[in-house]
Amino acid sequence: MTYSSSLAMNRSRFVNRNQNSVSFKAQAKTLGPVSNTIILVVLACLLGMFYLAQVTKTNAFGYQINNLQQTQASLAQEHSDLEVQSARLQSVTRIQNSSVAKAMTSLSPSTAIQ
């Protein structure tokens, strides 16, 4: 048996008489480099949109928190001012009702020297 006949026997193992001896295998379909690039760009854009949506939400909450903190600071300042005013108003009545103030004598205005 020669080399060429042994190759022919290997090719014609599953081939019947009067049929083509060439067989084609079905190749698995794969994506090309352009399709892969387009898919990656689209995925990157989607991830960017999700990121921007999250950042926008946190910024909106940040503005609300900032407004609430400013309101809290102004209310705390108003509370301290009211405490000072309350202490001032209570001090006048305390002084008038104290035993030392009651023991004092009031002076009548004296006449002016001429």
N, C-alpha and C. Protein backbone atom coordinates (compact mmCIF):
# COMPACT_ATOMS: atom_id res chain seq x y z
N MET A 1 0.83 -1.15 0.00
CA MET A 1 0.00 0.00 0.00
C MET A 1 0.89 1.24 0.00
N THR A 2 0.57 2.14 -0.87
CA THR A 2 1.38 3.34 -1.00
C THR A 2 0.83 4.43 -0.10
N TYR A 3 1.59 5.49 -0.04
CA TYR A 3 1.23 6.62 0.81
C TYR A 3 -0.07 7.26 0.36
N SER A 4 -0.25 7.45 -0.93
CA SER A 4 -1.46 8.09 -1.45
C SER A 4 -2.68 7.22 -1.25
N SER A 5 -2.54 5.97 -1.36
CA SER A 5 -3.71 5.11 -1.16
C SER A 5 -4.07 5.03 0.32
N SER A 6 -3.10 5.14 1.19
CA SER A 6 -3.44 5.13 2.62
C SER A 6 -4.16 6.41 3.02
N LEU A 7 -3.79 7.55 2.42
CA LEU A 7 -4.51 8.80 2.67
C LEU A 7 -5.93 8.72 2.14
N ALA A 8 -6.09 8.10 0.98
CA ALA A 8 -7.42 7.97 0.39
C ALA A 8 -8.29 7.07 1.24
N MET A 9 -7.72 6.10 1.84
CA MET A 9 -8.50 5.20 2.70
C MET A 9 -8.96 5.93 3.96
N ASN A 10 -8.10 6.80 4.48
CA ASN A 10 -8.49 7.55 5.67
C ASN A 10 -9.62 8.53 5.37
N ARG A 11 -9.59 9.10 4.18
CA ARG A 11 -10.64 10.05 3.82
C ARG A 11 -11.96 9.36 3.52
N SER A 12 -11.89 8.23 2.98
CA SER A 12 -13.12 7.58 2.52
C SER A 12 -13.65 6.57 3.52
N ARG A 13 -13.33 6.74 4.74
CA ARG A 13 -13.77 5.79 5.74
C ARG A 13 -15.29 5.77 5.86
N PHE A 14 -15.94 6.94 5.87
CA PHE A 14 -17.39 7.02 6.04
C PHE A 14 -18.10 7.40 4.74
N VAL A 15 -17.42 7.38 3.67
CA VAL A 15 -17.99 7.80 2.39
C VAL A 15 -18.40 6.56 1.60
N ASN A 16 -19.62 6.60 1.13
CA ASN A 16 -20.09 5.51 0.25
C ASN A 16 -19.66 5.76 -1.18
N ARG A 17 -19.96 4.86 -2.00
CA ARG A 17 -19.60 4.98 -3.40
C ARG A 17 -20.40 6.08 -4.08
N ASN A 18 -19.81 6.82 -4.96
CA ASN A 18 -20.39 7.93 -5.73
C ASN A 18 -20.82 9.10 -4.82
N GLN A 19 -20.10 9.34 -3.77
CA GLN A 19 -20.34 10.49 -2.91
C GLN A 19 -19.06 11.30 -2.82
N ASN A 20 -19.22 12.57 -2.45
CA ASN A 20 -18.06 13.42 -2.26
C ASN A 20 -17.27 12.91 -1.05
N SER A 21 -15.98 12.98 -1.18
CA SER A 21 -15.15 12.55 -0.06
C SER A 21 -14.75 13.71 0.84
N VAL A 22 -15.16 14.93 0.48
CA VAL A 22 -14.83 16.09 1.27
C VAL A 22 -15.98 16.34 2.26
N SER A 23 -15.64 16.47 3.50
CA SER A 23 -16.68 16.74 4.51
C SER A 23 -16.38 18.07 5.17
N PHE A 24 -17.41 18.77 5.48
CA PHE A 24 -17.28 20.06 6.13
C PHE A 24 -17.84 19.95 7.54
N LYS A 25 -17.09 20.46 8.48
CA LYS A 25 -17.56 20.47 9.85
C LYS A 25 -18.24 21.81 10.11
N ALA A 26 -19.32 21.76 10.84
CA ALA A 26 -20.00 23.00 11.20
C ALA A 26 -19.18 23.72 12.27
N GLN A 27 -18.82 24.95 11.98
CA GLN A 27 -18.03 25.72 12.95
C GLN A 27 -18.97 26.44 13.91
N ALA A 28 -18.52 26.56 15.13
CA ALA A 28 -19.28 27.29 16.12
C ALA A 28 -19.25 28.78 15.76
N LYS A 29 -20.40 29.41 15.85
CA LYS A 29 -20.47 30.83 15.50
C LYS A 29 -19.90 31.65 16.66
N THR A 30 -19.00 32.51 16.34
CA THR A 30 -18.39 33.37 17.35
C THR A 30 -18.55 34.81 16.91
N LEU A 31 -18.42 35.70 17.87
CA LEU A 31 -18.49 37.12 17.56
C LEU A 31 -17.12 37.59 17.09
N GLY A 32 -17.14 38.50 16.17
CA GLY A 32 -15.90 39.04 15.66
C GLY A 32 -15.38 40.16 16.55
N PRO A 33 -14.22 40.70 16.23
CA PRO A 33 -13.64 41.76 17.06
C PRO A 33 -14.46 43.04 17.06
N VAL A 34 -15.11 43.36 15.96
CA VAL A 34 -15.92 44.58 15.89
C VAL A 34 -17.15 44.43 16.79
N SER A 35 -17.79 43.27 16.74
CA SER A 35 -18.96 43.03 17.57
C SER A 35 -18.58 43.05 19.05
N ASN A 36 -17.46 42.46 19.38
CA ASN A 36 -17.00 42.49 20.77
C ASN A 36 -16.74 43.92 21.24
N THR A 37 -16.15 44.73 20.40
CA THR A 37 -15.86 46.11 20.75
C THR A 37 -17.16 46.89 20.97
N ILE A 38 -18.13 46.69 20.08
CA ILE A 38 -19.41 47.40 20.20
C ILE A 38 -20.12 46.99 21.49
N ILE A 39 -20.10 45.70 21.80
CA ILE A 39 -20.75 45.22 23.03
C ILE A 39 -20.07 45.82 24.26
N LEU A 40 -18.75 45.87 24.25
CA LEU A 40 -18.02 46.45 25.39
C LEU A 40 -18.32 47.94 25.56
N VAL A 41 -18.42 48.66 24.46
CA VAL A 41 -18.74 50.09 24.53
C VAL A 41 -20.14 50.30 25.09
N VAL A 42 -21.10 49.49 24.63
CA VAL A 42 -22.47 49.61 25.12
C VAL A 42 -22.53 49.28 26.62
N LEU A 43 -21.83 48.25 27.05
CA LEU A 43 -21.80 47.90 28.48
C LEU A 43 -21.17 49.02 29.31
N ALA A 44 -20.09 49.62 28.79
CA ALA A 44 -19.45 50.73 29.50
C ALA A 44 -20.41 51.92 29.61
N CYS A 45 -21.16 52.19 28.57
CA CYS A 45 -22.14 53.28 28.62
C CYS A 45 -23.24 52.99 29.64
N LEU A 46 -23.72 51.76 29.69
CA LEU A 46 -24.74 51.40 30.67
C LEU A 46 -24.22 51.53 32.09
N LEU A 47 -23.00 51.07 32.33
CA LEU A 47 -22.41 51.22 33.66
C LEU A 47 -22.25 52.69 34.03
N GLY A 48 -21.85 53.52 33.07
CA GLY A 48 -21.72 54.95 33.31
C GLY A 48 -23.06 55.58 33.66
N MET A 49 -24.12 55.16 32.98
CA MET A 49 -25.44 55.71 33.27
C MET A 49 -25.90 55.30 34.67
N PHE A 50 -25.66 54.05 35.05
CA PHE A 50 -26.02 53.62 36.40
C PHE A 50 -25.24 54.41 37.45
N TYR A 51 -23.97 54.64 37.19
CA TYR A 51 -23.14 55.40 38.12
C TYR A 51 -23.66 56.83 38.27
N LEU A 52 -23.98 57.47 37.15
CA LEU A 52 -24.48 58.84 37.19
C LEU A 52 -25.83 58.92 37.90
N ALA A 53 -26.67 57.91 37.71
CA ALA A 53 -27.96 57.90 38.40
C ALA A 53 -27.76 57.82 39.91
N GLN A 54 -26.82 57.00 40.36
CA GLN A 54 -26.57 56.87 41.79
C GLN A 54 -25.97 58.16 42.36
N VAL A 55 -25.05 58.76 41.63
CA VAL A 55 -24.42 60.00 42.10
C VAL A 55 -25.45 61.12 42.19
N THR A 56 -26.36 61.18 41.22
CA THR A 56 -27.40 62.21 41.23
C THR A 56 -28.32 62.02 42.43
N LYS A 57 -28.66 60.77 42.75
CA LYS A 57 -29.52 60.52 43.91
C LYS A 57 -28.83 60.94 45.19
N THR A 58 -27.56 60.60 45.34
CA THR A 58 -26.85 60.97 46.57
C THR A 58 -26.68 62.48 46.67
N ASN A 59 -26.48 63.15 45.55
CA ASN A 59 -26.39 64.61 45.59
C ASN A 59 -27.72 65.23 46.01
N ALA A 60 -28.83 64.69 45.52
CA ALA A 60 -30.14 65.21 45.90
C ALA A 60 -30.35 65.04 47.40
N PHE A 61 -29.98 63.88 47.92
CA PHE A 61 -30.10 63.66 49.36
C PHE A 61 -29.15 64.57 50.12
N GLY A 62 -27.99 64.85 49.55
CA GLY A 62 -27.03 65.75 50.19
C GLY A 62 -27.59 67.15 50.34
N TYR A 63 -28.31 67.64 49.31
CA TYR A 63 -28.93 68.96 49.40
C TYR A 63 -29.98 68.99 50.50
N GLN A 64 -30.78 67.94 50.60
CA GLN A 64 -31.80 67.88 51.64
C GLN A 64 -31.16 67.86 53.02
N ILE A 65 -30.10 67.08 53.17
CA ILE A 65 -29.42 67.01 54.46
C ILE A 65 -28.81 68.36 54.81
N ASN A 66 -28.23 69.03 53.83
CA ASN A 66 -27.64 70.35 54.07
C ASN A 66 -28.70 71.35 54.52
N ASN A 67 -29.86 71.34 53.87
CA ASN A 67 -30.95 72.24 54.26
C ASN A 67 -31.41 71.94 55.68
N LEU A 68 -31.53 70.67 56.02
CA LEU A 68 -31.96 70.30 57.37
C LEU A 68 -30.92 70.70 58.41
N GLN A 69 -29.65 70.57 58.08
CA GLN A 69 -28.60 70.98 59.02
C GLN A 69 -28.60 72.49 59.23
N GLN A 70 -28.83 73.25 58.16
CA GLN A 70 -28.92 74.70 58.31
C GLN A 70 -30.12 75.09 59.17
N THR A 71 -31.24 74.41 58.97
CA THR A 71 -32.43 74.67 59.80
C THR A 71 -32.15 74.34 61.25
N GLN A 72 -31.46 73.22 61.48
CA GLN A 72 -31.13 72.82 62.85
C GLN A 72 -30.21 73.86 63.51
N ALA A 73 -29.23 74.35 62.76
CA ALA A 73 -28.31 75.34 63.32
C ALA A 73 -29.05 76.64 63.65
N SER A 74 -29.94 77.08 62.78
CA SER A 74 -30.67 78.32 63.06
C SER A 74 -31.62 78.14 64.24
N LEU A 75 -32.24 76.97 64.36
CA LEU A 75 -33.12 76.72 65.51
C LEU A 75 -32.32 76.63 66.81
N ALA A 76 -31.13 76.07 66.77
CA ALA A 76 -30.29 76.01 67.97
C ALA A 76 -29.88 77.42 68.39
N GLN A 77 -29.55 78.27 67.43
CA GLN A 77 -29.19 79.66 67.74
C GLN A 77 -30.38 80.40 68.33
N GLU A 78 -31.56 80.19 67.75
CA GLU A 78 -32.77 80.83 68.28
C GLU A 78 -33.07 80.33 69.70
N HIS A 79 -32.84 79.05 69.95
CA HIS A 79 -33.07 78.49 71.28
C HIS A 79 -32.12 79.12 72.31
N SER A 80 -30.87 79.27 71.95
CA SER A 80 -29.92 79.89 72.90
C SER A 80 -30.27 81.36 73.13
N ASP A 81 -30.71 82.07 72.09
CA ASP A 81 -31.14 83.47 72.27
C ASP A 81 -32.34 83.56 73.20
N LEU A 82 -33.29 82.63 73.05
CA LEU A 82 -34.46 82.63 73.91
C LEU A 82 -34.10 82.28 75.35
N GLU A 83 -33.11 81.41 75.55
CA GLU A 83 -32.66 81.10 76.90
C GLU A 83 -32.06 82.33 77.58
N VAL A 84 -31.27 83.09 76.83
CA VAL A 84 -30.66 84.31 77.38
C VAL A 84 -31.74 85.33 77.71
N GLN A 85 -32.70 85.49 76.82
CA GLN A 85 -33.78 86.45 77.06
C GLN A 85 -34.62 86.02 78.26
N SER A 86 -34.89 84.74 78.39
CA SER A 86 -35.65 84.23 79.53
C SER A 86 -34.90 84.47 80.84
N ALA A 87 -33.58 84.25 80.84
CA ALA A 87 -32.79 84.50 82.05
C ALA A 87 -32.80 85.97 82.40
N ARG A 88 -32.74 86.85 81.39
CA ARG A 88 -32.78 88.29 81.64
C ARG A 88 -34.11 88.72 82.25
N LEU A 89 -35.20 88.20 81.70
CA LEU A 89 -36.51 88.57 82.21
C LEU A 89 -36.76 88.01 83.61
N GLN A 90 -36.27 86.82 83.88
CA GLN A 90 -36.44 86.24 85.20
C GLN A 90 -35.56 86.92 86.24
N SER A 91 -34.43 87.44 85.83
CA SER A 91 -33.53 88.08 86.79
C SER A 91 -34.14 89.35 87.38
N VAL A 92 -34.90 90.10 86.59
CA VAL A 92 -35.53 91.33 87.10
C VAL A 92 -36.53 90.98 88.19
N THR A 93 -37.36 89.98 87.97
CA THR A 93 -38.34 89.61 89.00
C THR A 93 -37.67 88.98 90.21
N ARG A 94 -36.62 88.26 90.03
CA ARG A 94 -35.89 87.68 91.16
C ARG A 94 -35.26 88.77 92.02
N ILE A 95 -34.69 89.77 91.36
CA ILE A 95 -34.07 90.87 92.12
C ILE A 95 -35.13 91.63 92.90
N GLN A 96 -36.27 91.88 92.29
CA GLN A 96 -37.33 92.63 92.99
C GLN A 96 -37.89 91.82 94.16
N ASN A 97 -37.94 90.52 94.04
CA ASN A 97 -38.50 89.68 95.09
C ASN A 97 -37.46 89.20 96.11
N SER A 98 -36.22 89.57 95.94
CA SER A 98 -35.19 89.10 96.87
C SER A 98 -35.30 89.84 98.20
N SER A 99 -34.77 89.22 99.25
CA SER A 99 -34.84 89.83 100.60
C SER A 99 -33.95 91.07 100.68
N VAL A 100 -32.87 91.09 99.95
CA VAL A 100 -31.98 92.25 99.97
C VAL A 100 -32.68 93.45 99.34
N ALA A 101 -33.38 93.24 98.27
CA ALA A 101 -34.08 94.34 97.60
C ALA A 101 -35.23 94.84 98.44
N LYS A 102 -35.87 93.96 99.20
CA LYS A 102 -36.99 94.39 100.05
C LYS A 102 -36.50 95.17 101.28
N ALA A 103 -35.28 94.88 101.70
CA ALA A 103 -34.73 95.57 102.86
C ALA A 103 -34.27 96.97 102.52
N MET A 104 -34.09 97.26 101.27
CA MET A 104 -33.63 98.59 100.86
C MET A 104 -34.75 99.60 101.00
N THR A 105 -34.37 100.79 101.30
CA THR A 105 -35.36 101.87 101.38
C THR A 105 -35.31 102.66 100.11
N SER A 106 -36.43 103.14 99.72
CA SER A 106 -36.46 103.93 98.51
C SER A 106 -36.20 105.38 98.84
N LEU A 107 -35.54 106.06 98.02
CA LEU A 107 -35.21 107.46 98.23
C LEU A 107 -36.19 108.32 97.48
N SER A 108 -36.60 109.34 98.15
CA SER A 108 -37.44 110.30 97.45
C SER A 108 -36.50 111.33 96.84
N PRO A 109 -36.86 111.88 95.76
CA PRO A 109 -35.97 112.85 95.14
C PRO A 109 -35.83 114.08 96.04
N SER A 110 -34.62 114.47 96.23
CA SER A 110 -34.36 115.68 97.04
C SER A 110 -34.46 116.91 96.18
N THR A 111 -34.57 117.95 96.81
CA THR A 111 -34.69 119.19 96.04
C THR A 111 -33.33 119.61 95.52
N ALA A 112 -33.34 120.29 94.50
CA ALA A 112 -32.10 120.71 93.88
C ALA A 112 -31.56 121.93 94.59
N ILE A 113 -30.29 122.04 94.66
CA ILE A 113 -29.64 123.17 95.30
C ILE A 113 -29.63 124.33 94.31
N GLN A 114 -29.98 125.51 94.92
CA GLN A 114 -30.01 126.65 94.04
C GLN A 114 -28.87 127.57 94.26
